[in-house]
Structure formats: C-alpha cells, structure tokens
Amino acid sequence: MDMTEVYDDDKINKIIELYKKNRQRDKIKYLKKKDDPEFILQNRLRAKTHYETVYKEKKKENYEKNKVLLQSKSLFRYYKKNEKVEAFRKKYPDKYKLLQDHGIIVSASGSGSVV
C-alpha cells in the first residue's frame, strides 16, 4: 500500500466501521473474561509486577525531582487553611517565590491565592 494513497469517503467509512466492530468485539470478549478467577490472578500479577518494577521507581524519581515544590505547596496550604498567608510569606519568602514562579500562587494586593 502506498503511503500517499488518497482515501475516498467510502473507504474511510469502511475503516471506521471495521474499527468500531473490532472495539465492540474486544469489549464483549473482555466482559466475558473479566470474572474468570484465572484471568483475575494473571491481571493482578501483571499489575503487581508493573508496580514493583516500573511505577514505583518513576514515582520516587518524580517525588525527588519535585520534593521542594511539593513540600512548599503543602506548607502553603496549611498556612492558607489557618488564614495565615501573610505569616507564610514573611517566614518563607523563598518558598513563596517558588510557588509564584510555578503559577500556584497568584498575588492579589499582597495576599496569595491558590490557582
């Protein structure tokens, strides 16, 4: 098949219908299979393996990369909840500036508000 082939409306509609039929068939197959105990065990094993090998490391790396930002956001939320935003601003000017730079705090006449 040539990559420059031009599709007419009939061919496009046929491709879309074929896709819809395949999706419907796959959905029906999954709905029949999802309650099978063997399938459930295999799926749990696959998910557990993925979590232990890939996902856990990615989450850890992402946290380490954004650790200061996440801690600053948490601290700001605490001060905001207790209505002490001005105290946060005076006590932690570097964290306040960091949150402003990331667009988390929008300054309006001296007091901060979370976006």
Protein backbone atom coordinates (compact mmCIF):
# COMPACT_ATOMS: atom_id res chain seq x y z
CA MET A 1 0.00 0.00 0.00
CA ASP A 2 1.35 3.38 -0.99
CA MET A 3 1.60 5.93 1.85
CA THR A 4 0.42 8.71 -0.46
CA GLU A 5 -2.82 6.90 -1.28
CA VAL A 6 -5.85 9.14 -1.07
CA TYR A 7 -8.86 7.66 0.69
CA ASP A 8 -12.35 8.38 -0.52
CA ASP A 9 -15.37 8.64 1.79
CA ASP A 10 -16.43 5.02 1.26
CA LYS A 11 -13.02 3.70 2.23
CA ILE A 12 -12.83 5.95 5.30
CA ASN A 13 -16.31 4.86 6.43
CA LYS A 14 -15.35 1.21 5.92
CA ILE A 15 -12.21 1.65 8.05
CA ILE A 16 -14.20 3.38 10.81
CA GLU A 17 -16.88 0.67 10.82
CA LEU A 18 -14.22 -2.04 10.97
CA TYR A 19 -12.58 -0.27 13.91
CA LYS A 20 -15.92 0.02 15.74
CA LYS A 21 -16.66 -3.68 15.19
CA ASN A 22 -13.23 -4.66 16.50
CA ARG A 23 -13.63 -2.48 19.60
CA GLN A 24 -17.10 -3.93 20.26
CA ARG A 25 -15.81 -7.49 19.81
CA ASP A 26 -12.89 -6.84 22.17
CA LYS A 27 -15.22 -5.30 24.75
CA ILE A 28 -17.55 -8.30 24.66
CA LYS A 29 -14.59 -10.66 24.95
CA TYR A 30 -13.28 -8.75 27.97
CA LEU A 31 -16.68 -8.65 29.69
CA LYS A 32 -16.93 -12.44 29.36
CA LYS A 33 -13.39 -12.98 30.61
CA LYS A 34 -13.15 -10.42 33.43
CA ASP A 35 -14.91 -12.57 36.06
CA ASP A 36 -12.74 -15.62 35.41
CA PRO A 37 -10.60 -16.31 38.53
CA GLU A 38 -7.60 -17.30 36.42
CA PHE A 39 -7.78 -14.02 34.48
CA ILE A 40 -8.08 -12.06 37.73
CA LEU A 41 -4.94 -13.70 39.14
CA GLN A 42 -2.98 -13.11 35.94
CA ASN A 43 -4.08 -9.49 35.82
CA ARG A 44 -3.16 -8.92 39.47
CA LEU A 45 0.24 -10.50 38.91
CA ARG A 46 0.83 -8.31 35.85
CA ALA A 47 -0.20 -5.17 37.74
CA LYS A 48 1.94 -6.05 40.76
CA THR A 49 4.97 -6.73 38.58
CA HIS A 50 4.49 -3.43 36.76
CA TYR A 51 4.16 -1.54 40.05
CA GLU A 52 7.25 -3.13 41.58
CA THR A 53 9.50 -2.79 38.54
CA VAL A 54 8.49 0.40 36.77
CA TYR A 55 5.91 2.53 38.51
CA LYS A 56 7.45 2.62 41.98
CA GLU A 57 10.75 3.94 40.63
CA LYS A 58 9.04 6.54 38.44
CA LYS A 59 7.01 7.86 41.38
CA LYS A 60 10.11 8.03 43.54
CA GLU A 61 12.09 9.89 40.86
CA ASN A 62 9.20 12.30 40.27
CA TYR A 63 8.90 12.98 44.01
CA GLU A 64 12.63 13.55 44.41
CA LYS A 65 12.62 15.90 41.43
CA ASN A 66 9.70 17.95 42.80
CA LYS A 67 10.31 17.46 46.51
CA VAL A 68 10.85 21.14 47.40
CA LEU A 69 7.85 22.25 45.36
CA LEU A 70 5.56 19.63 46.90
CA GLN A 71 6.68 20.50 50.42
CA SER A 72 6.19 24.20 49.72
CA LYS A 73 2.68 23.60 48.39
CA SER A 74 1.78 21.53 51.42
CA LEU A 75 3.11 24.15 53.82
CA PHE A 76 1.29 26.92 51.96
CA ARG A 77 -1.99 25.02 52.12
CA TYR A 78 -1.55 24.66 55.90
CA TYR A 79 -0.99 28.39 56.32
CA LYS A 80 -3.88 29.22 53.96
CA LYS A 81 -6.24 26.90 55.84
CA ASN A 82 -5.37 28.69 59.08
CA GLU A 83 -5.67 32.08 57.33
CA LYS A 84 -2.01 32.98 57.92
CA VAL A 85 -0.84 33.54 54.35
CA GLU A 86 0.98 36.74 55.30
CA ALA A 87 2.92 34.84 58.00
CA PHE A 88 3.90 32.23 55.42
CA ARG A 89 5.03 34.96 53.07
CA LYS A 90 7.24 36.59 55.72
CA LYS A 91 8.60 33.39 57.22
CA TYR A 92 9.32 31.54 53.94
CA PRO A 93 9.95 34.15 51.22
CA ASP A 94 11.93 31.68 49.10
CA LYS A 95 9.11 29.12 49.12
CA TYR A 96 6.55 31.84 48.43
CA LYS A 97 8.61 33.00 45.44
CA LEU A 98 8.94 29.39 44.20
CA LEU A 99 5.17 28.94 44.31
CA GLN A 100 4.67 32.22 42.47
CA ASP A 101 7.17 31.20 39.79
CA HIS A 102 5.27 27.94 39.21
CA GLY A 103 1.97 29.81 38.96
CA ILE A 104 0.50 28.18 42.06
CA ILE A 105 0.10 31.47 43.92
CA VAL A 106 -1.40 34.47 42.18
CA SER A 107 -0.67 37.59 44.18
CA ALA A 108 -3.56 39.98 44.52
CA SER A 109 -2.80 43.08 46.62
CA GLY A 110 -0.32 41.33 48.88
CA SER A 111 -2.29 38.23 49.82
CA GLY A 112 -1.82 34.99 47.93
CA SER A 113 -4.47 32.81 46.44
CA VAL A 114 -4.10 29.34 45.04
CA VAL A 115 -4.85 28.88 41.37
